[in-house]
Amino acid sequence: MGTKTMPHLYECGICDGYHPWTWNGDCRDDANRFGAPEDYEDARGMERGTAVVVGMSERVAADEEG
């Protein structure tokens, strides 16, 4: 059985941007809204293509789990 990789970002269904997985706030917060996963990777000094991105439904489900 493999280990599940923790997402870095989720694609927001409200603003169509990308937010860090651990962030929960207002979509107008420019410091936590990215136009593309690559923008997040660049801002964090990550290698391109390494950010794990999920949909908003997965983020909402994680919030409901507790």
PDB file of N, CA and C in Angstrom:
ATOM      1  N   MET A   1       0.838  -1.175   0.000  1.00  0.00           N
ATOM      2  CA  MET A   1       0.000   0.000   0.000  1.00  0.00           C
ATOM      3  C   MET A   1       0.886   1.242   0.000  1.00  0.00           C
ATOM      4  N   GLY A   2       0.681   2.164  -0.944  1.00  0.00           N
ATOM      5  CA  GLY A   2       1.506   3.365  -1.059  1.00  0.00           C
ATOM      6  C   GLY A   2       1.070   4.447  -0.096  1.00  0.00           C
ATOM      7  N   THR A   3       1.920   5.424   0.045  1.00  0.00           N
ATOM      8  CA  THR A   3       1.573   6.555   0.891  1.00  0.00           C
ATOM      9  C   THR A   3       0.962   7.647   0.031  1.00  0.00           C
ATOM     10  N   LYS A   4       0.010   8.351   0.600  1.00  0.00           N
ATOM     11  CA  LYS A   4      -0.654   9.417  -0.124  1.00  0.00           C
ATOM     12  C   LYS A   4       0.161  10.698   0.020  1.00  0.00           C
ATOM     13  N   THR A   5       0.409  11.369  -1.090  1.00  0.00           N
ATOM     14  CA  THR A   5       1.150  12.616  -1.072  1.00  0.00           C
ATOM     15  C   THR A   5       0.211  13.753  -0.687  1.00  0.00           C
ATOM     16  N   MET A   6       0.643  14.554   0.258  1.00  0.00           N
ATOM     17  CA  MET A   6      -0.157  15.693   0.709  1.00  0.00           C
ATOM     18  C   MET A   6      -0.195  16.744  -0.395  1.00  0.00           C
ATOM     19  N   PRO A   7      -1.388  17.224  -0.740  1.00  0.00           N
ATOM     20  CA  PRO A   7      -1.473  18.268  -1.773  1.00  0.00           C
ATOM     21  C   PRO A   7      -0.792  19.556  -1.328  1.00  0.00           C
ATOM     22  N   HIS A   8      -0.255  20.265  -2.293  1.00  0.00           N
ATOM     23  CA  HIS A   8       0.313  21.579  -2.045  1.00  0.00           C
ATOM     24  C   HIS A   8      -0.733  22.663  -2.302  1.00  0.00           C
ATOM     25  N   LEU A   9      -1.560  22.443  -3.319  1.00  0.00           N
ATOM     26  CA  LEU A   9      -2.529  23.445  -3.774  1.00  0.00           C
ATOM     27  C   LEU A   9      -3.869  22.811  -4.062  1.00  0.00           C
ATOM     28  N   TYR A  10      -4.904  23.653  -4.011  1.00  0.00           N
ATOM     29  CA  TYR A  10      -6.189  23.226  -4.547  1.00  0.00           C
ATOM     30  C   TYR A  10      -6.684  24.292  -5.513  1.00  0.00           C
ATOM     31  N   GLU A  11      -7.351  23.824  -6.560  1.00  0.00           N
ATOM     32  CA  GLU A  11      -7.910  24.723  -7.561  1.00  0.00           C
ATOM     33  C   GLU A  11      -9.242  25.242  -7.036  1.00  0.00           C
ATOM     34  N   CYS A  12      -9.339  26.534  -6.863  1.00  0.00           N
ATOM     35  CA  CYS A  12     -10.521  27.146  -6.259  1.00  0.00           C
ATOM     36  C   CYS A  12     -11.671  27.227  -7.260  1.00  0.00           C
ATOM     37  N   GLY A  13     -12.825  26.789  -6.835  1.00  0.00           N
ATOM     38  CA  GLY A  13     -14.020  26.852  -7.663  1.00  0.00           C
ATOM     39  C   GLY A  13     -14.717  28.201  -7.578  1.00  0.00           C
ATOM     40  N   ILE A  14     -14.193  29.094  -6.765  1.00  0.00           N
ATOM     41  CA  ILE A  14     -14.788  30.418  -6.616  1.00  0.00           C
ATOM     42  C   ILE A  14     -14.051  31.439  -7.485  1.00  0.00           C
ATOM     43  N   CYS A  15     -12.730  31.507  -7.334  1.00  0.00           N
ATOM     44  CA  CYS A  15     -11.960  32.532  -8.058  1.00  0.00           C
ATOM     45  C   CYS A  15     -11.181  31.969  -9.248  1.00  0.00           C
ATOM     46  N   ASP A  16     -11.228  30.667  -9.460  1.00  0.00           N
ATOM     47  CA  ASP A  16     -10.490  29.992 -10.531  1.00  0.00           C
ATOM     48  C   ASP A  16      -8.980  30.093 -10.377  1.00  0.00           C
ATOM     49  N   GLY A  17      -8.515  30.484  -9.206  1.00  0.00           N
ATOM     50  CA  GLY A  17      -7.087  30.509  -8.923  1.00  0.00           C
ATOM     51  C   GLY A  17      -6.701  29.247  -8.168  1.00  0.00           C
ATOM     52  N   TYR A  18      -5.501  29.251  -7.637  1.00  0.00           N
ATOM     53  CA  TYR A  18      -4.987  28.138  -6.851  1.00  0.00           C
ATOM     54  C   TYR A  18      -4.580  28.669  -5.487  1.00  0.00           C
ATOM     55  N   HIS A  19      -4.939  27.942  -4.443  1.00  0.00           N
ATOM     56  CA  HIS A  19      -4.611  28.331  -3.074  1.00  0.00           C
ATOM     57  C   HIS A  19      -3.806  27.228  -2.403  1.00  0.00           C
ATOM     58  N   PRO A  20      -2.897  27.609  -1.479  1.00  0.00           N
ATOM     59  CA  PRO A  20      -2.183  26.586  -0.720  1.00  0.00           C
ATOM     60  C   PRO A  20      -3.170  25.694   0.046  1.00  0.00           C
ATOM     61  N   TRP A  21      -2.853  24.426   0.137  1.00  0.00           N
ATOM     62  CA  TRP A  21      -3.728  23.448   0.776  1.00  0.00           C
ATOM     63  C   TRP A  21      -4.109  23.850   2.195  1.00  0.00           C
ATOM     64  N   THR A  22      -3.170  24.382   2.958  1.00  0.00           N
ATOM     65  CA  THR A  22      -3.419  24.699   4.356  1.00  0.00           C
ATOM     66  C   THR A  22      -4.069  26.060   4.561  1.00  0.00           C
ATOM     67  N   TRP A  23      -4.268  26.815   3.502  1.00  0.00           N
ATOM     68  CA  TRP A  23      -4.830  28.159   3.601  1.00  0.00           C
ATOM     69  C   TRP A  23      -6.348  28.095   3.588  1.00  0.00           C
ATOM     70  N   ASN A  24      -6.978  28.934   4.399  1.00  0.00           N
ATOM     71  CA  ASN A  24      -8.433  29.025   4.433  1.00  0.00           C
ATOM     72  C   ASN A  24      -8.777  30.486   4.682  1.00  0.00           C
ATOM     73  N   GLY A  25      -9.117  31.192   3.639  1.00  0.00           N
ATOM     74  CA  GLY A  25      -9.379  32.615   3.798  1.00  0.00           C
ATOM     75  C   GLY A  25     -10.113  33.201   2.609  1.00  0.00           C
ATOM     76  N   ASP A  26      -9.934  34.480   2.417  1.00  0.00           N
ATOM     77  CA  ASP A  26     -10.605  35.248   1.377  1.00  0.00           C
ATOM     78  C   ASP A  26      -9.817  35.146   0.070  1.00  0.00           C
ATOM     79  N   CYS A  27     -10.495  34.826  -1.022  1.00  0.00           N
ATOM     80  CA  CYS A  27      -9.841  34.666  -2.322  1.00  0.00           C
ATOM     81  C   CYS A  27      -9.128  35.928  -2.782  1.00  0.00           C
ATOM     82  N   ARG A  28      -9.465  37.062  -2.213  1.00  0.00           N
ATOM     83  CA  ARG A  28      -8.815  38.315  -2.605  1.00  0.00           C
ATOM     84  C   ARG A  28      -7.439  38.478  -1.966  1.00  0.00           C
ATOM     85  N   ASP A  29      -7.044  37.556  -1.120  1.00  0.00           N
ATOM     86  CA  ASP A  29      -5.737  37.591  -0.463  1.00  0.00           C
ATOM     87  C   ASP A  29      -4.671  37.234  -1.502  1.00  0.00           C
ATOM     88  N   ASP A  30      -4.059  38.256  -2.084  1.00  0.00           N
ATOM     89  CA  ASP A  30      -3.098  38.041  -3.165  1.00  0.00           C
ATOM     90  C   ASP A  30      -1.920  37.149  -2.781  1.00  0.00           C
ATOM     91  N   ALA A  31      -1.533  37.161  -1.524  1.00  0.00           N
ATOM     92  CA  ALA A  31      -0.392  36.354  -1.087  1.00  0.00           C
ATOM     93  C   ALA A  31      -0.704  34.862  -1.087  1.00  0.00           C
ATOM     94  N   ASN A  32      -1.981  34.517  -1.154  1.00  0.00           N
ATOM     95  CA  ASN A  32      -2.405  33.108  -1.119  1.00  0.00           C
ATOM     96  C   ASN A  32      -3.264  32.716  -2.314  1.00  0.00           C
ATOM     97  N   ARG A  33      -3.140  33.469  -3.395  1.00  0.00           N
ATOM     98  CA  ARG A  33      -3.859  33.152  -4.641  1.00  0.00           C
ATOM     99  C   ARG A  33      -2.837  33.152  -5.768  1.00  0.00           C
ATOM    100  N   PHE A  34      -2.804  32.059  -6.500  1.00  0.00           N
ATOM    101  CA  PHE A  34      -1.854  31.909  -7.595  1.00  0.00           C
ATOM    102  C   PHE A  34      -2.608  31.619  -8.883  1.00  0.00           C
ATOM    103  N   GLY A  35      -2.106  32.149  -9.987  1.00  0.00           N
ATOM    104  CA  GLY A  35      -2.747  31.963 -11.281  1.00  0.00           C
ATOM    105  C   GLY A  35      -2.508  30.593 -11.875  1.00  0.00           C
ATOM    106  N   ALA A  36      -1.435  29.941 -11.441  1.00  0.00           N
ATOM    107  CA  ALA A  36      -1.079  28.620 -11.960  1.00  0.00           C
ATOM    108  C   ALA A  36      -0.186  27.922 -10.934  1.00  0.00           C
ATOM    109  N   PRO A  37      -0.165  26.611 -10.955  1.00  0.00           N
ATOM    110  CA  PRO A  37       0.722  25.889 -10.036  1.00  0.00           C
ATOM    111  C   PRO A  37       2.184  26.320 -10.174  1.00  0.00           C
ATOM    112  N   GLU A  38       2.584  26.664 -11.389  1.00  0.00           N
ATOM    113  CA  GLU A  38       3.964  27.092 -11.621  1.00  0.00           C
ATOM    114  C   GLU A  38       4.292  28.379 -10.858  1.00  0.00           C
ATOM    115  N   ASP A  39       3.311  29.261 -10.725  1.00  0.00           N
ATOM    116  CA  ASP A  39       3.519  30.495  -9.959  1.00  0.00           C
ATOM    117  C   ASP A  39       3.811  30.174  -8.495  1.00  0.00           C
ATOM    118  N   TYR A  40       3.087  29.215  -7.960  1.00  0.00           N
ATOM    119  CA  TYR A  40       3.305  28.767  -6.577  1.00  0.00           C
ATOM    120  C   TYR A  40       4.690  28.154  -6.429  1.00  0.00           C
ATOM    121  N   GLU A  41       5.037  27.271  -7.367  1.00  0.00           N
ATOM    122  CA  GLU A  41       6.341  26.613  -7.321  1.00  0.00           C
ATOM    123  C   GLU A  41       7.469  27.647  -7.368  1.00  0.00           C
ATOM    124  N   ASP A  42       7.341  28.625  -8.246  1.00  0.00           N
ATOM    125  CA  ASP A  42       8.364  29.671  -8.359  1.00  0.00           C
ATOM    126  C   ASP A  42       8.467  30.469  -7.061  1.00  0.00           C
ATOM    127  N   ALA A  43       7.330  30.817  -6.473  1.00  0.00           N
ATOM    128  CA  ALA A  43       7.315  31.608  -5.240  1.00  0.00           C
ATOM    129  C   ALA A  43       7.928  30.837  -4.069  1.00  0.00           C
ATOM    130  N   ARG A  44       7.825  29.527  -4.102  1.00  0.00           N
ATOM    131  CA  ARG A  44       8.336  28.687  -3.017  1.00  0.00           C
ATOM    132  C   ARG A  44       9.698  28.072  -3.324  1.00  0.00           C
ATOM    133  N   GLY A  45      10.261  28.392  -4.485  1.00  0.00           N
ATOM    134  CA  GLY A  45      11.561  27.841  -4.854  1.00  0.00           C
ATOM    135  C   GLY A  45      11.513  26.351  -5.147  1.00  0.00           C
ATOM    136  N   MET A  46      10.362  25.879  -5.605  1.00  0.00           N
ATOM    137  CA  MET A  46      10.189  24.454  -5.891  1.00  0.00           C
ATOM    138  C   MET A  46      10.546  24.160  -7.349  1.00  0.00           C
ATOM    139  N   GLU A  47      10.887  22.931  -7.610  1.00  0.00           N
ATOM    140  CA  GLU A  47      11.126  22.496  -8.981  1.00  0.00           C
ATOM    141  C   GLU A  47       9.793  22.476  -9.725  1.00  0.00           C
ATOM    142  N   ARG A  48       9.796  22.934 -10.957  1.00  0.00           N
ATOM    143  CA  ARG A  48       8.578  22.957 -11.762  1.00  0.00           C
ATOM    144  C   ARG A  48       8.004  21.545 -11.919  1.00  0.00           C
ATOM    145  N   GLY A  49       6.693  21.449 -11.797  1.00  0.00           N
ATOM    146  CA  GLY A  49       6.004  20.178 -11.973  1.00  0.00           C
ATOM    147  C   GLY A  49       5.928  19.319 -10.723  1.00  0.00           C
ATOM    148  N   THR A  50       6.367  19.850  -9.578  1.00  0.00           N
ATOM    149  CA  THR A  50       6.364  19.037  -8.365  1.00  0.00           C
ATOM    150  C   THR A  50       5.186  19.328  -7.432  1.00  0.00           C
ATOM    151  N   ALA A  51       4.501  20.434  -7.639  1.00  0.00           N
ATOM    152  CA  ALA A  51       3.360  20.762  -6.768  1.00  0.00           C
ATOM    153  C   ALA A  51       2.216  19.791  -7.044  1.00  0.00           C
ATOM    154  N   VAL A  52       1.651  19.262  -5.988  1.00  0.00           N
ATOM    155  CA  VAL A  52       0.509  18.359  -6.093  1.00  0.00           C
ATOM    156  C   VAL A  52      -0.750  19.226  -6.008  1.00  0.00           C
ATOM    157  N   VAL A  53      -1.595  19.131  -7.044  1.00  0.00           N
ATOM    158  CA  VAL A  53      -2.795  19.965  -7.134  1.00  0.00           C
ATOM    159  C   VAL A  53      -4.035  19.077  -7.122  1.00  0.00           C
ATOM    160  N   VAL A  54      -5.017  19.473  -6.319  1.00  0.00           N
ATOM    161  CA  VAL A  54      -6.294  18.766  -6.270  1.00  0.00           C
ATOM    162  C   VAL A  54      -7.420  19.768  -6.510  1.00  0.00           C
ATOM    163  N   GLY A  55      -8.615  19.252  -6.703  1.00  0.00           N
ATOM    164  CA  GLY A  55      -9.776  20.100  -6.913  1.00  0.00           C
ATOM    165  C   GLY A  55     -10.377  20.588  -5.605  1.00  0.00           C
ATOM    166  N   MET A  56     -11.241  21.555  -5.728  1.00  0.00           N
ATOM    167  CA  MET A  56     -11.868  22.143  -4.548  1.00  0.00           C
ATOM    168  C   MET A  56     -12.715  21.119  -3.797  1.00  0.00           C
ATOM    169  N   SER A  57     -13.318  20.185  -4.513  1.00  0.00           N
ATOM    170  CA  SER A  57     -14.160  19.184  -3.841  1.00  0.00           C
ATOM    171  C   SER A  57     -13.337  18.357  -2.851  1.00  0.00           C
ATOM    172  N   GLU A  58     -12.085  18.085  -3.189  1.00  0.00           N
ATOM    173  CA  GLU A  58     -11.223  17.340  -2.263  1.00  0.00           C
ATOM    174  C   GLU A  58     -10.870  18.188  -1.045  1.00  0.00           C
ATOM    175  N   ARG A  59     -10.704  19.488  -1.252  1.00  0.00           N
ATOM    176  CA  ARG A  59     -10.401  20.384  -0.122  1.00  0.00           C
ATOM    177  C   ARG A  59     -11.593  20.485   0.808  1.00  0.00           C
ATOM    178  N   VAL A  60     -12.787  20.617   0.239  1.00  0.00           N
ATOM    179  CA  VAL A  60     -14.010  20.704   1.048  1.00  0.00           C
ATOM    180  C   VAL A  60     -14.216  19.406   1.821  1.00  0.00           C
ATOM    181  N   ALA A  61     -13.990  18.273   1.172  1.00  0.00           N
ATOM    182  CA  ALA A  61     -14.136  16.977   1.836  1.00  0.00           C
ATOM    183  C   ALA A  61     -13.163  16.851   3.010  1.00  0.00           C
ATOM    184  N   ALA A  62     -11.946  17.335   2.835  1.00  0.00           N
ATOM    185  CA  ALA A  62     -10.957  17.279   3.922  1.00  0.00           C
ATOM    186  C   ALA A  62     -11.411  18.142   5.103  1.00  0.00           C
ATOM    187  N   ASP A  63     -12.008  19.292   4.816  1.00  0.00           N
ATOM    188  CA  ASP A  63     -12.535  20.145   5.892  1.00  0.00           C
ATOM    189  C   ASP A  63     -13.659  19.447   6.642  1.00  0.00           C
ATOM    190  N   GLU A  64     -14.501  18.723   5.931  1.00  0.00           N
ATOM    191  CA  GLU A  64     -15.633  18.036   6.548  1.00  0.00           C
ATOM    192  C   GLU A  64     -15.162  16.861   7.417  1.00  0.00           C
ATOM    193  N   GLU A  65     -14.017  16.273   7.061  1.00  0.00           N
ATOM    194  CA  GLU A  65     -13.476  15.153   7.832  1.00  0.00           C
ATOM    195  C   GLU A  65     -12.953  15.614   9.188  1.00  0.00           C
ATOM    196  N   GLY A  66     -12.616  16.873   9.262  1.00  0.00           N
ATOM    197  CA  GLY A  66     -12.154  17.387  10.544  1.00  0.00           C
ATOM    198  C   GLY A  66     -10.779  17.796  10.527  1.00  0.00           C
TER     199      GLY A  66
END
